[in-house]
Amino acid sequence: MTLSSILSSVAQAARRVDRNPGEIRLVAVSKKQPLDRIKAALSEGHRIFGENRVQEAQAKWPSLRELYPDIEIHIVGPLQTNKVRQALELAQSIHSVDRPSLAEALARRIQEVGISPDLFVQVNTGEEPQKSGVLPKETDDFVADCHRLDLPIRGLMCIPPINEEPALHFSLLAKIAARNGLEWLSMGMSADFEVAIRLGATHVRVGSAVFGRRG
């Protein structure tokens, strides 16, 4: 598939459920992608990209920003507390606020610099021990704690278990977000973003369908 075909599929999925396609942001996940593929997406006009690791993002995006100053970088992978400063310097969104120590580190640094990216709490909807994220039953309290720290939590993010029906996890995430007054939902990847849009996704994180297989 191509970037244009993915954008078309996003728009069609939105219209099927009477949603405005303009409400949905395609985060093109560019981790480990060759620079020529990223430049091709930029030349087509795309500006929203997702990275898993701050170190990788730092290596490629500052120079690209000199050419395309309106680029948005979204950190979609686990964030170490010792990388918070670098993340805040680079990213416009962080989708993986997943533990108290990270929330506290973000709050301290945000207060120091006076600016903040948009933040999402990552929810481990499948309660998988190997996966990052707040457990569903603990999410309400964690969101409240983040608000007490003056963190600008805008939404929730999840990555469903690979062998389970993603719709169940997307529905759960939407319910948790609604009761916490959060409008944004980062959910859906290359294989299931149309399902996610049907269930309320505002941000879909698509990598291989946009860029092809990673190197």
C-alpha atoms as a PDB file:
ATOM      1  CA  MET A   1       0.000   0.000   0.000  1.00  0.00           C
ATOM      2  CA  THR A   2       1.002   3.640  -0.342  1.00  0.00           C
ATOM      3  CA  LEU A   3       0.634   6.687   1.873  1.00  0.00           C
ATOM      4  CA  SER A   4      -2.138   8.051  -0.322  1.00  0.00           C
ATOM      5  CA  SER A   5      -4.039   4.768  -0.237  1.00  0.00           C
ATOM      6  CA  ILE A   6      -3.765   4.614   3.569  1.00  0.00           C
ATOM      7  CA  LEU A   7      -5.057   8.161   3.880  1.00  0.00           C
ATOM      8  CA  SER A   8      -7.919   7.220   1.570  1.00  0.00           C
ATOM      9  CA  SER A   9      -8.708   4.153   3.697  1.00  0.00           C
ATOM     10  CA  VAL A  10      -8.676   6.286   6.852  1.00  0.00           C
ATOM     11  CA  ALA A  11     -11.130   8.727   5.283  1.00  0.00           C
ATOM     12  CA  GLN A  12     -13.415   5.953   4.035  1.00  0.00           C
ATOM     13  CA  ALA A  13     -13.428   4.222   7.425  1.00  0.00           C
ATOM     14  CA  ALA A  14     -14.409   7.508   9.071  1.00  0.00           C
ATOM     15  CA  ARG A  15     -17.223   8.225   6.625  1.00  0.00           C
ATOM     16  CA  ARG A  16     -18.677   4.737   7.076  1.00  0.00           C
ATOM     17  CA  VAL A  17     -19.449   5.622  10.698  1.00  0.00           C
ATOM     18  CA  ASP A  18     -20.413   9.245   9.993  1.00  0.00           C
ATOM     19  CA  ARG A  19     -17.201  10.673  11.370  1.00  0.00           C
ATOM     20  CA  ASN A  20     -15.276  13.602   9.967  1.00  0.00           C
ATOM     21  CA  PRO A  21     -12.020  12.274   8.443  1.00  0.00           C
ATOM     22  CA  GLY A  22     -10.341  15.487   9.558  1.00  0.00           C
ATOM     23  CA  GLU A  23     -10.733  14.346  13.178  1.00  0.00           C
ATOM     24  CA  ILE A  24      -8.370  11.411  12.651  1.00  0.00           C
ATOM     25  CA  ARG A  25      -4.610  11.798  12.549  1.00  0.00           C
ATOM     26  CA  LEU A  26      -2.419   9.296  10.767  1.00  0.00           C
ATOM     27  CA  VAL A  27       0.806   8.832  12.741  1.00  0.00           C
ATOM     28  CA  ALA A  28       3.236   7.306  10.243  1.00  0.00           C
ATOM     29  CA  VAL A  29       5.473   5.131  12.420  1.00  0.00           C
ATOM     30  CA  SER A  30       8.932   5.628  10.958  1.00  0.00           C
ATOM     31  CA  LYS A  31      11.057   3.642  13.417  1.00  0.00           C
ATOM     32  CA  LYS A  32      13.930   1.820  11.693  1.00  0.00           C
ATOM     33  CA  GLN A  33      12.770   3.055   8.294  1.00  0.00           C
ATOM     34  CA  PRO A  34      15.315   4.089   5.657  1.00  0.00           C
ATOM     35  CA  LEU A  35      15.664   7.825   5.241  1.00  0.00           C
ATOM     36  CA  ASP A  36      14.596   7.723   1.605  1.00  0.00           C
ATOM     37  CA  ARG A  37      11.188   6.312   2.561  1.00  0.00           C
ATOM     38  CA  ILE A  38      10.701   9.017   5.167  1.00  0.00           C
ATOM     39  CA  LYS A  39      11.700  11.712   2.694  1.00  0.00           C
ATOM     40  CA  ALA A  40       9.231  10.294   0.185  1.00  0.00           C
ATOM     41  CA  ALA A  41       6.401  10.627   2.714  1.00  0.00           C
ATOM     42  CA  LEU A  42       7.508  14.177   3.498  1.00  0.00           C
ATOM     43  CA  SER A  43       7.551  15.052  -0.190  1.00  0.00           C
ATOM     44  CA  GLU A  44       3.957  13.833  -0.437  1.00  0.00           C
ATOM     45  CA  GLY A  45       3.021  16.316   2.273  1.00  0.00           C
ATOM     46  CA  HIS A  46       2.801  14.090   5.331  1.00  0.00           C
ATOM     47  CA  ARG A  47       4.065  15.680   8.536  1.00  0.00           C
ATOM     48  CA  ILE A  48       3.046  13.435  11.482  1.00  0.00           C
ATOM     49  CA  PHE A  49       5.498  10.677  12.349  1.00  0.00           C
ATOM     50  CA  GLY A  50       5.889   8.215  15.201  1.00  0.00           C
ATOM     51  CA  GLU A  51       9.106   6.983  16.782  1.00  0.00           C
ATOM     52  CA  ASN A  52       9.662   4.251  19.375  1.00  0.00           C
ATOM     53  CA  ARG A  53      13.009   5.399  20.706  1.00  0.00           C
ATOM     54  CA  VAL A  54      14.159   8.894  21.544  1.00  0.00           C
ATOM     55  CA  GLN A  55      17.736   8.109  20.497  1.00  0.00           C
ATOM     56  CA  GLU A  56      16.678   7.104  16.993  1.00  0.00           C
ATOM     57  CA  ALA A  57      14.429  10.131  16.673  1.00  0.00           C
ATOM     58  CA  GLN A  58      17.243  12.456  17.733  1.00  0.00           C
ATOM     59  CA  ALA A  59      19.501  11.001  15.055  1.00  0.00           C
ATOM     60  CA  LYS A  60      17.266  11.830  12.104  1.00  0.00           C
ATOM     61  CA  TRP A  61      14.582  14.415  12.802  1.00  0.00           C
ATOM     62  CA  PRO A  62      16.466  17.628  13.722  1.00  0.00           C
ATOM     63  CA  SER A  63      18.057  17.819  10.273  1.00  0.00           C
ATOM     64  CA  LEU A  64      14.769  16.994   8.544  1.00  0.00           C
ATOM     65  CA  ARG A  65      13.057  19.713  10.582  1.00  0.00           C
ATOM     66  CA  GLU A  66      15.383  22.256   9.019  1.00  0.00           C
ATOM     67  CA  LEU A  67      13.732  21.437   5.694  1.00  0.00           C
ATOM     68  CA  TYR A  68      10.224  20.774   7.042  1.00  0.00           C
ATOM     69  CA  PRO A  69       9.705  22.894  10.187  1.00  0.00           C
ATOM     70  CA  ASP A  70       6.070  21.784  10.610  1.00  0.00           C
ATOM     71  CA  ILE A  71       6.957  18.147  11.299  1.00  0.00           C
ATOM     72  CA  GLU A  72       5.235  16.590  14.333  1.00  0.00           C
ATOM     73  CA  ILE A  73       7.020  13.824  16.198  1.00  0.00           C
ATOM     74  CA  HIS A  74       5.025  11.417  18.373  1.00  0.00           C
ATOM     75  CA  ILE A  75       6.872   9.134  20.798  1.00  0.00           C
ATOM     76  CA  VAL A  76       4.847   5.917  20.652  1.00  0.00           C
ATOM     77  CA  GLY A  77       7.215   3.492  22.384  1.00  0.00           C
ATOM     78  CA  PRO A  78       8.308   3.094  26.016  1.00  0.00           C
ATOM     79  CA  LEU A  79       9.988   6.205  27.403  1.00  0.00           C
ATOM     80  CA  GLN A  80      12.776   5.947  29.956  1.00  0.00           C
ATOM     81  CA  THR A  81      12.772   8.552  32.701  1.00  0.00           C
ATOM     82  CA  ASN A  82      16.344   9.530  31.826  1.00  0.00           C
ATOM     83  CA  LYS A  83      15.202  10.426  28.298  1.00  0.00           C
ATOM     84  CA  VAL A  84      12.424  12.810  29.373  1.00  0.00           C
ATOM     85  CA  ARG A  85      14.419  15.974  28.690  1.00  0.00           C
ATOM     86  CA  GLN A  86      15.325  14.857  25.182  1.00  0.00           C
ATOM     87  CA  ALA A  87      11.755  13.750  24.496  1.00  0.00           C
ATOM     88  CA  LEU A  88      10.346  17.124  25.503  1.00  0.00           C
ATOM     89  CA  GLU A  89      12.835  18.904  23.259  1.00  0.00           C
ATOM     90  CA  LEU A  90      11.882  16.766  20.282  1.00  0.00           C
ATOM     91  CA  ALA A  91       8.288  15.552  20.488  1.00  0.00           C
ATOM     92  CA  GLN A  92       4.889  17.156  20.142  1.00  0.00           C
ATOM     93  CA  SER A  93       3.109  14.103  21.588  1.00  0.00           C
ATOM     94  CA  ILE A  94       4.017  11.228  23.912  1.00  0.00           C
ATOM     95  CA  HIS A  95       1.683   8.236  23.722  1.00  0.00           C
ATOM     96  CA  SER A  96       3.303   6.081  26.409  1.00  0.00           C
ATOM     97  CA  VAL A  97       2.865   7.625  29.862  1.00  0.00           C
ATOM     98  CA  ASP A  98       2.654   4.326  31.708  1.00  0.00           C
ATOM     99  CA  ARG A  99       3.891   4.585  35.326  1.00  0.00           C
ATOM    100  CA  PRO A 100       4.109   6.999  38.254  1.00  0.00           C
ATOM    101  CA  SER A 101       7.884   7.526  38.015  1.00  0.00           C
ATOM    102  CA  LEU A 102       7.556   8.662  34.399  1.00  0.00           C
ATOM    103  CA  ALA A 103       4.605  10.927  35.202  1.00  0.00           C
ATOM    104  CA  GLU A 104       6.600  12.561  38.005  1.00  0.00           C
ATOM    105  CA  ALA A 105       9.675  13.009  35.805  1.00  0.00           C
ATOM    106  CA  LEU A 106       7.560  14.574  33.070  1.00  0.00           C
ATOM    107  CA  ALA A 107       5.860  16.899  35.547  1.00  0.00           C
ATOM    108  CA  ARG A 108       9.179  18.118  36.945  1.00  0.00           C
ATOM    109  CA  ARG A 109      10.704  18.785  33.557  1.00  0.00           C
ATOM    110  CA  ILE A 110       7.565  20.391  32.122  1.00  0.00           C
ATOM    111  CA  GLN A 111       7.454  22.801  35.043  1.00  0.00           C
ATOM    112  CA  GLU A 112      11.096  23.670  34.441  1.00  0.00           C
ATOM    113  CA  VAL A 113      10.772  24.420  30.730  1.00  0.00           C
ATOM    114  CA  GLY A 114       7.191  25.723  30.726  1.00  0.00           C
ATOM    115  CA  ILE A 115       6.035  23.770  27.676  1.00  0.00           C
ATOM    116  CA  SER A 116       4.557  20.328  27.204  1.00  0.00           C
ATOM    117  CA  PRO A 117       3.703  17.907  24.446  1.00  0.00           C
ATOM    118  CA  ASP A 118       0.272  16.333  24.349  1.00  0.00           C
ATOM    119  CA  LEU A 119       0.244  13.260  26.570  1.00  0.00           C
ATOM    120  CA  PHE A 120      -1.520   9.912  26.365  1.00  0.00           C
ATOM    121  CA  VAL A 121      -1.717   7.321  29.127  1.00  0.00           C
ATOM    122  CA  GLN A 122      -0.849   3.864  27.832  1.00  0.00           C
ATOM    123  CA  VAL A 123      -3.306   1.229  29.053  1.00  0.00           C
ATOM    124  CA  ASN A 124      -2.376  -2.452  29.070  1.00  0.00           C
ATOM    125  CA  THR A 125      -5.867  -3.568  28.081  1.00  0.00           C
ATOM    126  CA  GLY A 126      -4.802  -7.201  27.755  1.00  0.00           C
ATOM    127  CA  GLU A 127      -3.073  -7.175  31.148  1.00  0.00           C
ATOM    128  CA  GLU A 128      -0.031  -8.761  29.517  1.00  0.00           C
ATOM    129  CA  PRO A 129       2.930  -9.038  31.911  1.00  0.00           C
ATOM    130  CA  GLN A 130       5.514  -8.402  29.178  1.00  0.00           C
ATOM    131  CA  LYS A 131       3.828  -5.223  27.944  1.00  0.00           C
ATOM    132  CA  SER A 132       4.018  -1.674  29.267  1.00  0.00           C
ATOM    133  CA  GLY A 133       0.932   0.184  30.396  1.00  0.00           C
ATOM    134  CA  VAL A 134      -1.387   0.872  33.288  1.00  0.00           C
ATOM    135  CA  LEU A 135      -3.868  -1.887  34.084  1.00  0.00           C
ATOM    136  CA  PRO A 136      -7.472  -1.008  33.174  1.00  0.00           C
ATOM    137  CA  LYS A 137      -8.663  -1.164  36.788  1.00  0.00           C
ATOM    138  CA  GLU A 138      -5.902   1.273  37.813  1.00  0.00           C
ATOM    139  CA  THR A 139      -6.288   3.757  34.971  1.00  0.00           C
ATOM    140  CA  ASP A 140      -8.849   6.072  36.588  1.00  0.00           C
ATOM    141  CA  ASP A 141      -6.619   6.604  39.628  1.00  0.00           C
ATOM    142  CA  PHE A 142      -3.526   7.036  37.474  1.00  0.00           C
ATOM    143  CA  VAL A 143      -5.196   9.654  35.270  1.00  0.00           C
ATOM    144  CA  ALA A 144      -6.332  11.501  38.408  1.00  0.00           C
ATOM    145  CA  ASP A 145      -2.775  11.406  39.759  1.00  0.00           C
ATOM    146  CA  CYS A 146      -1.483  12.818  36.464  1.00  0.00           C
ATOM    147  CA  HIS A 147      -3.995  15.653  36.650  1.00  0.00           C
ATOM    148  CA  ARG A 148      -2.827  16.423  40.184  1.00  0.00           C
ATOM    149  CA  LEU A 149       0.665  16.767  38.741  1.00  0.00           C
ATOM    150  CA  ASP A 150      -0.754  19.242  36.187  1.00  0.00           C
ATOM    151  CA  LEU A 151       0.106  16.925  33.320  1.00  0.00           C
ATOM    152  CA  PRO A 152      -1.904  17.662  30.154  1.00  0.00           C
ATOM    153  CA  ILE A 153      -3.329  14.202  29.612  1.00  0.00           C
ATOM    154  CA  ARG A 154      -5.312  14.378  26.374  1.00  0.00           C
ATOM    155  CA  GLY A 155      -6.108  10.730  25.771  1.00  0.00           C
ATOM    156  CA  LEU A 156      -5.361   7.026  26.130  1.00  0.00           C
ATOM    157  CA  MET A 157      -3.344   4.580  24.047  1.00  0.00           C
ATOM    158  CA  CYS A 158      -3.371   0.790  23.797  1.00  0.00           C
ATOM    159  CA  ILE A 159      -1.768  -2.069  21.881  1.00  0.00           C
ATOM    160  CA  PRO A 160      -4.124  -5.083  21.921  1.00  0.00           C
ATOM    161  CA  PRO A 161      -2.766  -8.622  22.397  1.00  0.00           C
ATOM    162  CA  ILE A 162      -1.715 -10.009  19.049  1.00  0.00           C
ATOM    163  CA  ASN A 163      -4.021 -13.052  19.154  1.00  0.00           C
ATOM    164  CA  GLU A 164      -7.169 -11.387  20.475  1.00  0.00           C
ATOM    165  CA  GLU A 165      -9.988  -9.515  18.793  1.00  0.00           C
ATOM    166  CA  PRO A 166      -8.804  -5.873  18.782  1.00  0.00           C
ATOM    167  CA  ALA A 167     -12.341  -4.472  18.846  1.00  0.00           C
ATOM    168  CA  LEU A 168     -12.790  -5.676  22.427  1.00  0.00           C
ATOM    169  CA  HIS A 169      -9.714  -3.731  23.522  1.00  0.00           C
ATOM    170  CA  PHE A 170     -10.592  -0.627  21.525  1.00  0.00           C
ATOM    171  CA  SER A 171     -14.073  -0.594  23.051  1.00  0.00           C
ATOM    172  CA  LEU A 172     -12.628  -0.936  26.545  1.00  0.00           C
ATOM    173  CA  LEU A 173     -10.189   1.917  25.936  1.00  0.00           C
ATOM    174  CA  ALA A 174     -12.988   4.147  24.642  1.00  0.00           C
ATOM    175  CA  LYS A 175     -15.091   3.474  27.747  1.00  0.00           C
ATOM    176  CA  ILE A 176     -12.209   4.289  30.095  1.00  0.00           C
ATOM    177  CA  ALA A 177     -11.482   7.493  28.176  1.00  0.00           C
ATOM    178  CA  ALA A 178     -15.127   8.584  28.238  1.00  0.00           C
ATOM    179  CA  ARG A 179     -15.498   8.231  31.988  1.00  0.00           C
ATOM    180  CA  ASN A 180     -12.310  10.227  32.497  1.00  0.00           C
ATOM    181  CA  GLY A 181     -13.349  13.008  30.143  1.00  0.00           C
ATOM    182  CA  LEU A 182     -10.558  12.307  27.649  1.00  0.00           C
ATOM    183  CA  GLU A 183     -11.273  12.963  23.989  1.00  0.00           C
ATOM    184  CA  TRP A 184      -8.308  11.369  22.220  1.00  0.00           C
ATOM    185  CA  LEU A 185      -7.757   7.674  21.538  1.00  0.00           C
ATOM    186  CA  SER A 186      -4.469   6.419  20.093  1.00  0.00           C
ATOM    187  CA  MET A 187      -5.336   2.965  18.852  1.00  0.00           C
ATOM    188  CA  GLY A 188      -5.128   0.948  15.681  1.00  0.00           C
ATOM    189  CA  MET A 189      -2.106  -0.077  13.627  1.00  0.00           C
ATOM    190  CA  SER A 190      -1.555  -1.351  10.090  1.00  0.00           C
ATOM    191  CA  ALA A 191      -3.742  -4.446  10.461  1.00  0.00           C
ATOM    192  CA  ASP A 192      -6.652  -2.980  12.422  1.00  0.00           C
ATOM    193  CA  PHE A 193      -6.797   0.806  12.058  1.00  0.00           C
ATOM    194  CA  GLU A 194     -10.171   0.681  10.274  1.00  0.00           C
ATOM    195  CA  VAL A 195     -11.679  -1.186  13.241  1.00  0.00           C
ATOM    196  CA  ALA A 196     -10.124   1.364  15.578  1.00  0.00           C
ATOM    197  CA  ILE A 197     -11.622   4.262  13.626  1.00  0.00           C
ATOM    198  CA  ARG A 198     -15.045   2.629  13.819  1.00  0.00           C
ATOM    199  CA  LEU A 199     -14.671   2.520  17.603  1.00  0.00           C
ATOM    200  CA  GLY A 200     -13.501   6.093  18.041  1.00  0.00           C
ATOM    201  CA  ALA A 201      -9.762   6.316  17.335  1.00  0.00           C
ATOM    202  CA  THR A 202      -8.477   9.852  16.866  1.00  0.00           C
ATOM    203  CA  HIS A 203      -4.863   8.791  16.220  1.00  0.00           C
ATOM    204  CA  VAL A 204      -3.927   5.658  14.269  1.00  0.00           C
ATOM    205  CA  ARG A 205      -0.316   4.476  14.316  1.00  0.00           C
ATOM    206  CA  VAL A 206       0.525   2.922  10.968  1.00  0.00           C
ATOM    207  CA  GLY A 207       4.017   1.833   9.990  1.00  0.00           C
ATOM    208  CA  SER A 208       4.471  -1.064   7.599  1.00  0.00           C
ATOM    209  CA  ALA A 209       1.367  -0.240   5.550  1.00  0.00           C
ATOM    210  CA  VAL A 210       2.817   3.216   4.860  1.00  0.00           C
ATOM    211  CA  PHE A 211       6.518   2.451   4.499  1.00  0.00           C
ATOM    212  CA  GLY A 212       6.766  -1.270   3.821  1.00  0.00           C
ATOM    213  CA  ARG A 213       8.730  -3.720   5.933  1.00  0.00           C
ATOM    214  CA  ARG A 214      11.415  -2.247   8.171  1.00  0.00           C
ATOM    215  CA  GLY A 215      15.039  -2.806   7.438  1.00  0.00           C
END
